N, C-alpha and C. Protein backbone atom coordinates (compact mmCIF):
# COMPACT_ATOMS: atom_id res chain seq x y z
N MET A 1 -20.84 29.79 25.00
CA MET A 1 -20.18 28.77 25.80
C MET A 1 -19.50 29.38 27.00
N TRP A 2 -18.77 30.51 26.81
CA TRP A 2 -18.06 31.12 27.92
C TRP A 2 -19.04 31.59 28.92
N ARG A 3 -20.22 32.12 28.49
CA ARG A 3 -21.18 32.65 29.44
C ARG A 3 -21.69 31.53 30.32
N LYS A 4 -21.91 30.32 29.82
CA LYS A 4 -22.43 29.25 30.58
C LYS A 4 -21.46 28.89 31.74
N HIS A 5 -20.13 28.80 31.37
CA HIS A 5 -19.14 28.47 32.40
C HIS A 5 -18.94 29.67 33.35
N CYS A 6 -19.03 30.91 32.83
CA CYS A 6 -18.77 32.05 33.72
C CYS A 6 -19.93 32.17 34.76
N ARG A 7 -21.14 31.85 34.32
CA ARG A 7 -22.30 31.90 35.26
C ARG A 7 -22.06 30.94 36.46
N LYS A 8 -21.58 29.70 36.14
CA LYS A 8 -21.33 28.76 37.17
C LYS A 8 -20.18 29.21 38.06
N ALA A 9 -19.13 29.68 37.43
CA ALA A 9 -18.00 30.16 38.22
C ALA A 9 -18.28 31.43 38.97
N SER A 10 -19.19 32.25 38.46
CA SER A 10 -19.51 33.50 39.13
C SER A 10 -20.05 33.31 40.53
N GLU A 11 -20.77 32.23 40.80
CA GLU A 11 -21.26 32.02 42.11
C GLU A 11 -20.12 31.89 43.17
N PHE A 12 -18.98 31.31 42.70
CA PHE A 12 -17.84 31.13 43.58
C PHE A 12 -17.01 32.42 43.75
N ILE A 13 -16.83 33.19 42.67
CA ILE A 13 -15.95 34.32 42.73
C ILE A 13 -16.64 35.67 42.58
N LEU A 14 -17.97 35.67 42.53
CA LEU A 14 -18.69 36.92 42.33
C LEU A 14 -18.27 37.95 43.34
N GLY A 15 -18.16 37.59 44.55
CA GLY A 15 -17.80 38.56 45.62
C GLY A 15 -16.52 39.28 45.30
N CYS A 16 -15.48 38.58 44.89
CA CYS A 16 -14.19 39.29 44.55
C CYS A 16 -14.32 40.08 43.31
N VAL A 17 -14.90 39.50 42.27
CA VAL A 17 -15.00 40.18 41.02
C VAL A 17 -15.94 41.45 41.16
N ALA A 18 -17.06 41.29 41.84
CA ALA A 18 -17.89 42.45 41.98
C ALA A 18 -17.19 43.55 42.67
N PHE A 19 -16.39 43.28 43.70
CA PHE A 19 -15.66 44.27 44.40
C PHE A 19 -14.67 44.95 43.46
N VAL A 20 -14.03 44.15 42.56
CA VAL A 20 -13.07 44.75 41.61
C VAL A 20 -13.83 45.71 40.68
N LEU A 21 -14.94 45.26 40.18
CA LEU A 21 -15.63 46.06 39.22
C LEU A 21 -16.27 47.38 39.76
N VAL A 22 -16.80 47.28 40.94
CA VAL A 22 -17.41 48.39 41.47
C VAL A 22 -16.48 49.41 42.16
N SER A 23 -15.48 48.88 42.87
CA SER A 23 -14.65 49.76 43.60
C SER A 23 -13.23 50.08 42.91
N GLY A 24 -12.92 49.31 41.97
CA GLY A 24 -11.54 49.58 41.50
C GLY A 24 -11.32 49.28 40.02
N VAL A 25 -10.03 49.18 39.69
CA VAL A 25 -9.52 48.98 38.41
C VAL A 25 -9.85 50.20 37.61
N VAL A 26 -10.09 51.35 38.27
CA VAL A 26 -10.35 52.62 37.56
C VAL A 26 -9.32 53.64 38.16
N ALA A 27 -8.77 54.37 37.29
CA ALA A 27 -7.89 55.45 37.76
C ALA A 27 -8.64 56.58 38.34
N ILE A 28 -9.65 57.06 37.71
CA ILE A 28 -10.56 58.17 38.09
C ILE A 28 -11.95 57.65 37.76
N THR A 29 -12.87 57.94 38.73
CA THR A 29 -14.19 57.59 38.42
C THR A 29 -14.89 58.76 37.67
N PRO A 30 -15.16 58.60 36.37
CA PRO A 30 -15.69 59.65 35.58
C PRO A 30 -17.13 59.94 36.01
N PRO A 31 -17.67 61.11 35.67
CA PRO A 31 -19.06 61.47 36.01
C PRO A 31 -20.04 60.45 35.46
N SER A 32 -19.76 59.86 34.29
CA SER A 32 -20.78 58.92 33.72
C SER A 32 -20.69 57.45 34.31
N PHE A 33 -19.80 57.20 35.31
CA PHE A 33 -19.74 55.92 35.87
C PHE A 33 -21.05 55.54 36.42
N GLY A 34 -21.57 54.41 35.95
CA GLY A 34 -22.91 53.95 36.45
C GLY A 34 -24.10 54.66 35.89
N ALA A 35 -23.87 55.32 34.75
CA ALA A 35 -24.92 56.05 34.10
C ALA A 35 -26.03 55.12 33.71
N VAL A 36 -27.27 55.52 33.83
CA VAL A 36 -28.37 54.77 33.53
C VAL A 36 -28.69 54.92 31.99
N ASP A 37 -28.74 53.83 31.36
CA ASP A 37 -28.95 53.71 29.86
C ASP A 37 -30.35 53.46 29.59
N SER A 38 -31.13 54.29 28.93
CA SER A 38 -32.56 53.91 28.71
C SER A 38 -32.69 52.80 27.80
N ALA A 39 -31.72 52.41 26.99
CA ALA A 39 -31.81 51.31 26.10
C ALA A 39 -31.67 49.99 26.84
N SER A 40 -31.15 50.04 28.06
CA SER A 40 -30.98 48.81 28.86
C SER A 40 -32.06 48.65 29.91
N GLY A 41 -33.15 49.35 29.72
CA GLY A 41 -34.28 49.13 30.64
C GLY A 41 -33.97 49.83 32.01
N GLY A 42 -33.20 50.87 32.05
CA GLY A 42 -32.91 51.60 33.26
C GLY A 42 -31.84 51.02 34.11
N ARG A 43 -31.13 50.05 33.64
CA ARG A 43 -30.04 49.48 34.42
C ARG A 43 -28.83 50.39 34.31
N PRO A 44 -28.00 50.49 35.37
CA PRO A 44 -26.79 51.25 35.20
C PRO A 44 -25.80 50.54 34.28
N THR A 45 -25.04 51.33 33.59
CA THR A 45 -24.10 50.73 32.59
C THR A 45 -22.65 51.11 32.85
N LEU A 46 -21.79 50.16 32.89
CA LEU A 46 -20.39 50.40 33.12
C LEU A 46 -19.71 50.37 31.77
N ARG A 47 -18.90 51.39 31.45
CA ARG A 47 -18.13 51.48 30.23
C ARG A 47 -16.81 50.74 30.43
N SER A 48 -16.54 49.71 29.55
CA SER A 48 -15.27 49.02 29.60
C SER A 48 -14.67 48.83 28.25
N ALA A 49 -13.60 48.12 28.16
CA ALA A 49 -12.85 47.82 26.91
C ALA A 49 -12.25 46.48 26.97
N ALA A 50 -11.90 46.01 25.82
CA ALA A 50 -11.24 44.69 25.78
C ALA A 50 -10.10 44.72 24.71
N GLU A 51 -8.99 43.96 24.99
CA GLU A 51 -7.98 43.82 24.01
C GLU A 51 -8.48 42.98 22.85
N ILE A 52 -7.96 43.27 21.67
CA ILE A 52 -8.34 42.56 20.45
C ILE A 52 -7.76 41.20 20.35
N ASN A 53 -6.70 40.94 21.03
CA ASN A 53 -5.95 39.77 20.76
C ASN A 53 -5.21 39.25 22.00
N TYR A 54 -5.92 38.86 23.07
CA TYR A 54 -5.24 38.34 24.20
C TYR A 54 -5.98 37.07 24.70
N ALA A 55 -6.20 36.22 23.69
CA ALA A 55 -6.94 34.97 23.93
C ALA A 55 -6.16 34.05 25.00
N PRO A 56 -6.89 33.40 25.76
CA PRO A 56 -8.30 33.20 25.88
C PRO A 56 -9.03 34.19 26.71
N PHE A 57 -8.34 35.24 27.27
CA PHE A 57 -8.90 36.15 28.18
C PHE A 57 -9.76 37.27 27.52
N SER A 58 -9.25 37.80 26.48
CA SER A 58 -9.87 38.87 25.82
C SER A 58 -9.54 38.90 24.35
N PHE A 59 -10.56 38.91 23.49
CA PHE A 59 -10.37 38.98 22.06
C PHE A 59 -11.68 39.38 21.34
N VAL A 60 -11.65 39.63 20.07
CA VAL A 60 -12.79 39.97 19.33
C VAL A 60 -13.30 38.76 18.63
N ASP A 61 -14.54 38.35 18.78
CA ASP A 61 -15.07 37.13 18.22
C ASP A 61 -15.43 37.32 16.72
N GLU A 62 -15.98 36.29 16.04
CA GLU A 62 -16.33 36.38 14.63
C GLU A 62 -17.43 37.34 14.30
N HIS A 63 -18.10 37.82 15.37
CA HIS A 63 -19.19 38.82 15.16
C HIS A 63 -18.75 40.24 15.44
N GLY A 64 -17.43 40.35 15.68
CA GLY A 64 -16.90 41.68 16.01
C GLY A 64 -17.14 42.16 17.44
N ARG A 65 -17.44 41.24 18.27
CA ARG A 65 -17.90 41.54 19.64
C ARG A 65 -16.78 41.13 20.69
N ALA A 66 -16.57 41.87 21.69
CA ALA A 66 -15.57 41.53 22.73
C ALA A 66 -15.98 40.19 23.33
N ALA A 67 -14.99 39.30 23.55
CA ALA A 67 -15.23 37.96 24.06
C ALA A 67 -14.09 37.51 24.90
N GLY A 68 -14.10 36.33 25.45
CA GLY A 68 -13.01 35.74 26.22
C GLY A 68 -13.38 35.59 27.70
N PHE A 69 -12.61 34.83 28.40
CA PHE A 69 -12.89 34.44 29.74
C PHE A 69 -13.08 35.73 30.66
N SER A 70 -12.18 36.66 30.62
CA SER A 70 -12.29 37.86 31.54
C SER A 70 -13.43 38.74 31.09
N VAL A 71 -13.68 38.85 29.83
CA VAL A 71 -14.81 39.68 29.32
C VAL A 71 -16.10 39.04 29.77
N GLU A 72 -16.29 37.75 29.59
CA GLU A 72 -17.55 37.05 29.92
C GLU A 72 -17.70 37.01 31.50
N LEU A 73 -16.63 36.93 32.20
CA LEU A 73 -16.69 36.96 33.66
C LEU A 73 -17.20 38.33 34.16
N MET A 74 -16.72 39.35 33.51
CA MET A 74 -17.16 40.72 33.86
C MET A 74 -18.61 40.88 33.50
N ARG A 75 -19.09 40.40 32.27
CA ARG A 75 -20.44 40.47 31.93
C ARG A 75 -21.39 39.75 32.92
N ALA A 76 -21.00 38.51 33.31
CA ALA A 76 -21.75 37.66 34.19
C ALA A 76 -21.86 38.31 35.58
N ALA A 77 -20.78 38.87 36.11
CA ALA A 77 -20.74 39.47 37.43
C ALA A 77 -21.64 40.75 37.50
N LEU A 78 -21.51 41.52 36.43
CA LEU A 78 -22.27 42.85 36.36
C LEU A 78 -23.78 42.46 36.17
N ASP A 79 -24.12 41.47 35.29
CA ASP A 79 -25.49 41.05 35.13
C ASP A 79 -26.08 40.62 36.45
N ALA A 80 -25.30 39.84 37.31
CA ALA A 80 -25.79 39.40 38.59
C ALA A 80 -26.07 40.57 39.52
N MET A 81 -25.34 41.65 39.35
CA MET A 81 -25.56 42.86 40.15
C MET A 81 -26.61 43.76 39.54
N GLY A 82 -27.18 43.46 38.42
CA GLY A 82 -28.19 44.31 37.81
C GLY A 82 -27.64 45.44 36.96
N TRP A 83 -26.42 45.25 36.51
CA TRP A 83 -25.77 46.24 35.70
C TRP A 83 -25.58 45.70 34.25
N ASP A 84 -25.43 46.62 33.33
CA ASP A 84 -25.02 46.31 31.96
C ASP A 84 -23.57 46.81 31.77
N VAL A 85 -22.99 46.34 30.66
CA VAL A 85 -21.58 46.74 30.36
C VAL A 85 -21.51 46.90 28.81
N THR A 86 -20.77 47.93 28.46
CA THR A 86 -20.45 48.07 27.03
C THR A 86 -18.96 47.94 26.85
N PHE A 87 -18.46 47.45 25.70
CA PHE A 87 -17.10 47.23 25.49
C PHE A 87 -16.66 48.00 24.22
N ARG A 88 -15.53 48.69 24.30
CA ARG A 88 -14.87 49.15 23.14
C ARG A 88 -13.64 48.13 22.94
N THR A 89 -13.11 47.97 21.72
CA THR A 89 -12.05 47.11 21.49
C THR A 89 -10.92 47.75 20.83
N SER A 90 -9.69 47.37 21.10
CA SER A 90 -8.44 47.90 20.48
C SER A 90 -7.28 47.18 21.09
N PRO A 91 -6.07 47.45 20.53
CA PRO A 91 -4.86 46.85 21.10
C PRO A 91 -4.63 47.40 22.55
N TRP A 92 -3.94 46.61 23.36
CA TRP A 92 -3.73 46.92 24.78
C TRP A 92 -3.33 48.29 25.04
N ALA A 93 -2.37 48.88 24.38
CA ALA A 93 -1.85 50.20 24.76
C ALA A 93 -2.95 51.24 24.65
N GLU A 94 -3.86 51.15 23.65
CA GLU A 94 -4.90 52.07 23.51
C GLU A 94 -5.96 51.84 24.60
N VAL A 95 -6.31 50.57 24.86
CA VAL A 95 -7.29 50.25 25.88
C VAL A 95 -6.84 50.77 27.28
N ARG A 96 -5.60 50.54 27.57
CA ARG A 96 -5.03 51.02 28.80
C ARG A 96 -5.06 52.58 28.90
N GLY A 97 -4.77 53.19 27.82
CA GLY A 97 -4.89 54.70 27.77
C GLY A 97 -6.29 55.19 27.99
N TRP A 98 -7.25 54.51 27.46
CA TRP A 98 -8.69 54.88 27.69
C TRP A 98 -8.93 54.89 29.15
N LEU A 99 -8.49 53.83 29.88
CA LEU A 99 -8.73 53.78 31.35
C LEU A 99 -7.97 54.91 32.06
N GLU A 100 -6.67 55.16 31.68
CA GLU A 100 -5.96 56.21 32.26
C GLU A 100 -6.58 57.60 32.12
N ARG A 101 -7.23 57.84 31.00
CA ARG A 101 -7.86 59.12 30.68
C ARG A 101 -9.33 59.21 31.12
N GLY A 102 -9.82 58.16 31.74
CA GLY A 102 -11.21 58.21 32.16
C GLY A 102 -12.24 58.00 31.06
N LYS A 103 -11.83 57.54 29.89
CA LYS A 103 -12.79 57.28 28.81
C LYS A 103 -13.61 56.03 29.06
N ILE A 104 -13.12 55.15 29.87
CA ILE A 104 -13.87 53.91 30.29
C ILE A 104 -13.74 53.87 31.82
N ASP A 105 -14.65 53.02 32.43
CA ASP A 105 -14.74 52.94 33.86
C ASP A 105 -13.86 51.81 34.42
N ALA A 106 -13.67 50.71 33.69
CA ALA A 106 -13.01 49.59 34.32
C ALA A 106 -12.57 48.62 33.20
N LEU A 107 -11.60 47.76 33.47
CA LEU A 107 -11.14 46.76 32.54
C LEU A 107 -11.37 45.41 33.18
N PRO A 108 -11.59 44.35 32.40
CA PRO A 108 -11.81 43.02 32.90
C PRO A 108 -10.57 42.27 33.34
N LEU A 109 -9.37 42.76 32.82
CA LEU A 109 -8.14 42.10 33.19
C LEU A 109 -7.00 43.12 33.18
N VAL A 110 -6.36 43.35 34.28
CA VAL A 110 -5.27 44.31 34.24
C VAL A 110 -4.22 43.70 35.23
N GLY A 111 -2.97 43.46 34.69
CA GLY A 111 -1.95 42.91 35.54
C GLY A 111 -1.50 44.08 36.59
N ARG A 112 -1.27 43.67 37.76
CA ARG A 112 -0.84 44.56 38.77
C ARG A 112 0.71 44.72 38.80
N THR A 113 1.17 45.92 38.57
CA THR A 113 2.63 46.23 38.56
C THR A 113 2.86 47.48 39.35
N PRO A 114 4.09 47.70 39.83
CA PRO A 114 4.36 48.93 40.53
C PRO A 114 4.09 50.19 39.80
N GLU A 115 4.29 50.17 38.44
CA GLU A 115 3.96 51.34 37.62
C GLU A 115 2.56 51.59 37.58
N ARG A 116 1.66 50.63 37.68
CA ARG A 116 0.19 50.80 37.57
C ARG A 116 -0.46 51.09 38.92
N GLU A 117 0.24 50.81 40.03
CA GLU A 117 -0.28 51.09 41.35
C GLU A 117 -0.66 52.55 41.46
N ALA A 118 0.13 53.46 40.91
CA ALA A 118 -0.17 54.90 41.02
C ALA A 118 -1.32 55.33 40.13
N LEU A 119 -1.67 54.50 39.13
CA LEU A 119 -2.72 54.91 38.16
C LEU A 119 -4.05 54.35 38.43
N PHE A 120 -4.13 53.08 38.88
CA PHE A 120 -5.40 52.34 39.00
C PHE A 120 -5.57 51.78 40.43
N ASP A 121 -6.79 51.57 40.77
CA ASP A 121 -7.11 50.84 42.03
C ASP A 121 -7.27 49.39 41.70
N PHE A 122 -6.66 48.58 42.57
CA PHE A 122 -6.68 47.10 42.34
C PHE A 122 -7.26 46.46 43.68
N THR A 123 -7.84 45.32 43.44
CA THR A 123 -8.35 44.57 44.60
C THR A 123 -7.81 43.23 44.45
N VAL A 124 -8.42 42.19 45.13
CA VAL A 124 -7.98 40.82 45.10
C VAL A 124 -8.05 40.31 43.67
N PRO A 125 -6.90 39.73 43.20
CA PRO A 125 -6.92 39.08 41.87
C PRO A 125 -7.78 37.88 41.82
N TYR A 126 -8.29 37.60 40.63
CA TYR A 126 -9.10 36.38 40.32
C TYR A 126 -8.25 35.31 39.65
N MET A 127 -7.05 35.70 39.26
CA MET A 127 -6.11 34.71 38.68
C MET A 127 -4.73 35.29 38.74
N SER A 128 -3.73 34.39 38.65
CA SER A 128 -2.34 34.82 38.59
C SER A 128 -1.72 34.24 37.31
N LEU A 129 -1.02 35.15 36.62
CA LEU A 129 -0.31 34.74 35.40
C LEU A 129 1.22 35.00 35.58
N HIS A 130 1.98 34.15 34.93
CA HIS A 130 3.46 34.28 35.14
C HIS A 130 4.04 34.54 33.73
N GLY A 131 5.11 35.30 33.67
CA GLY A 131 5.86 35.61 32.44
C GLY A 131 6.70 34.47 32.05
N ALA A 132 7.11 34.53 30.83
CA ALA A 132 8.01 33.50 30.23
C ALA A 132 8.89 34.11 29.13
N ILE A 133 10.05 33.57 28.96
CA ILE A 133 10.89 33.97 27.77
C ILE A 133 10.66 32.89 26.76
N VAL A 134 10.22 33.37 25.53
CA VAL A 134 10.02 32.43 24.43
C VAL A 134 11.01 32.73 23.41
N VAL A 135 11.69 31.70 22.98
CA VAL A 135 12.82 31.81 22.04
C VAL A 135 12.71 30.74 20.93
N ARG A 136 13.34 31.03 19.82
CA ARG A 136 13.35 30.01 18.75
C ARG A 136 14.12 28.80 19.23
N ASP A 137 13.91 27.61 18.57
CA ASP A 137 14.65 26.42 18.92
C ASP A 137 16.13 26.59 18.68
N SER A 138 16.48 27.41 17.73
CA SER A 138 17.90 27.59 17.45
C SER A 138 18.62 28.47 18.55
N GLU A 139 17.94 28.99 19.49
CA GLU A 139 18.52 29.87 20.48
C GLU A 139 18.65 29.12 21.84
N ALA A 140 19.34 27.93 21.77
CA ALA A 140 19.44 27.02 22.99
C ALA A 140 20.30 27.72 24.07
N ASP A 141 21.00 28.79 23.81
CA ASP A 141 21.84 29.42 24.81
C ASP A 141 21.10 30.41 25.68
N ILE A 142 19.81 30.53 25.56
CA ILE A 142 19.00 31.47 26.37
C ILE A 142 18.26 30.66 27.33
N SER A 143 18.58 30.81 28.63
CA SER A 143 17.85 30.01 29.68
C SER A 143 17.30 30.92 30.72
N ASP A 144 17.84 32.17 30.88
CA ASP A 144 17.25 33.08 31.84
C ASP A 144 17.42 34.50 31.41
N LEU A 145 16.87 35.39 32.19
CA LEU A 145 16.83 36.87 31.78
C LEU A 145 18.20 37.42 31.47
N GLY A 146 19.22 37.02 32.20
CA GLY A 146 20.53 37.51 31.97
C GLY A 146 21.09 37.15 30.60
N ASP A 147 20.65 36.06 30.02
CA ASP A 147 21.06 35.63 28.66
C ASP A 147 20.50 36.55 27.60
N LEU A 148 19.64 37.45 27.86
CA LEU A 148 19.15 38.35 26.89
C LEU A 148 19.98 39.68 26.69
N ARG A 149 20.94 39.80 27.55
CA ARG A 149 21.87 40.97 27.40
C ARG A 149 22.48 41.01 26.02
N GLY A 150 22.46 42.21 25.42
CA GLY A 150 23.00 42.35 24.01
C GLY A 150 22.08 41.86 22.91
N ARG A 151 20.90 41.52 23.26
CA ARG A 151 19.97 40.91 22.22
C ARG A 151 18.78 41.89 22.01
N ASN A 152 18.09 41.62 20.91
CA ASN A 152 16.81 42.27 20.61
C ASN A 152 15.67 41.45 21.28
N VAL A 153 14.80 42.20 21.96
CA VAL A 153 13.70 41.55 22.71
C VAL A 153 12.44 42.21 22.23
N ALA A 154 11.41 41.46 21.85
CA ALA A 154 10.06 41.95 21.48
C ALA A 154 9.10 41.73 22.60
N VAL A 155 8.28 42.77 22.92
CA VAL A 155 7.22 42.69 23.92
C VAL A 155 6.09 43.57 23.44
N MET A 156 4.89 43.23 23.93
CA MET A 156 3.76 44.05 23.57
C MET A 156 3.82 45.36 24.24
N LYS A 157 3.55 46.37 23.43
CA LYS A 157 3.56 47.81 23.96
C LYS A 157 2.68 47.94 25.15
N GLY A 158 3.20 48.49 26.21
CA GLY A 158 2.44 48.78 27.43
C GLY A 158 2.15 47.53 28.33
N ASP A 159 2.63 46.40 27.94
CA ASP A 159 2.36 45.14 28.66
C ASP A 159 3.23 45.08 29.90
N ASN A 160 2.83 44.21 30.90
CA ASN A 160 3.58 43.95 32.07
C ASN A 160 5.10 43.64 31.72
N ALA A 161 5.31 42.91 30.70
CA ALA A 161 6.69 42.52 30.35
C ALA A 161 7.48 43.72 30.01
N GLU A 162 6.92 44.66 29.17
CA GLU A 162 7.63 45.86 28.86
C GLU A 162 7.96 46.67 30.15
N GLU A 163 6.98 46.83 31.03
CA GLU A 163 7.24 47.62 32.27
C GLU A 163 8.31 46.90 33.07
N PHE A 164 8.34 45.59 33.14
CA PHE A 164 9.35 44.92 33.92
C PHE A 164 10.72 45.07 33.27
N LEU A 165 10.83 44.91 31.99
CA LEU A 165 12.14 45.06 31.33
C LEU A 165 12.68 46.42 31.39
N ARG A 166 11.86 47.44 31.35
CA ARG A 166 12.28 48.82 31.38
C ARG A 166 12.54 49.36 32.81
N ARG A 167 12.18 48.59 33.84
CA ARG A 167 12.29 49.07 35.22
C ARG A 167 13.76 49.30 35.55
N LYS A 168 14.75 48.55 34.99
CA LYS A 168 16.14 48.88 35.16
C LYS A 168 16.87 48.50 33.87
N GLU A 169 18.07 49.05 33.70
CA GLU A 169 18.82 48.76 32.53
C GLU A 169 19.26 47.28 32.54
N ARG A 170 18.98 46.66 31.39
CA ARG A 170 19.30 45.20 31.33
C ARG A 170 20.23 44.90 30.17
N GLY A 171 20.61 45.90 29.42
CA GLY A 171 21.48 45.73 28.32
C GLY A 171 20.97 45.00 27.10
N MET A 172 19.64 45.25 26.89
CA MET A 172 18.98 44.66 25.69
C MET A 172 18.27 45.75 24.94
N THR A 173 18.00 45.52 23.73
CA THR A 173 17.18 46.44 22.91
C THR A 173 15.79 45.90 22.86
N ILE A 174 14.93 46.80 23.29
CA ILE A 174 13.52 46.41 23.42
C ILE A 174 12.68 46.99 22.30
N HIS A 175 12.01 46.13 21.60
CA HIS A 175 11.06 46.43 20.48
C HIS A 175 9.69 46.18 20.93
N THR A 176 8.74 47.04 20.65
CA THR A 176 7.34 46.79 21.05
C THR A 176 6.47 46.50 19.83
N THR A 177 5.42 45.73 20.04
CA THR A 177 4.41 45.47 19.01
C THR A 177 3.06 45.81 19.55
N PRO A 178 2.14 46.07 18.72
CA PRO A 178 0.74 46.49 19.21
C PRO A 178 -0.03 45.29 19.78
N THR A 179 0.23 44.10 19.31
CA THR A 179 -0.45 42.83 19.88
C THR A 179 0.50 41.75 19.97
N PHE A 180 0.19 40.66 20.61
CA PHE A 180 1.08 39.50 20.66
C PHE A 180 1.29 38.83 19.34
N GLU A 181 0.38 38.98 18.45
CA GLU A 181 0.54 38.34 17.12
C GLU A 181 1.25 39.19 16.10
N ALA A 182 1.38 40.50 16.35
CA ALA A 182 1.99 41.37 15.41
C ALA A 182 3.46 41.00 15.27
N PRO A 183 4.03 41.09 14.05
CA PRO A 183 5.40 40.68 13.88
C PRO A 183 6.35 41.76 14.45
């Protein structure tokens, strides 16, 4: 189902996405970038990765395969360009590390932050996401970032939110989790 919608959407945004995939979102272009895979009929293959639990953008489906909007958009854009793509899957911190170390060529979704500007090449985004503070119903006294001072805050390891909160001292204790669903 994602593929059907992505193919229709790809006509509209293929130019932006293709530019992202070919020219950027990679820290270093490894020697195998664009390697021709004999199993794919001689098409160049891009090595990518996907988060295991960042639905609806990236997740592992019931067949153990990378899926989600960003994953299928990358597949559709590369297919339209005559490329194949392979995906490894893992929690975000590991996936990001693979890109940093050149173990993969590109990722289908990476938030742009000042910390990542020095590591990766970015191009025009194909979507904008905004952060939020999520609290229990019983925590009615938290309405903005300043209200988190002196509190325990959980964020996903290596996520934009962790980078933002660690950018300056905010008087909170930060705890990281491997995925959004981990306790």
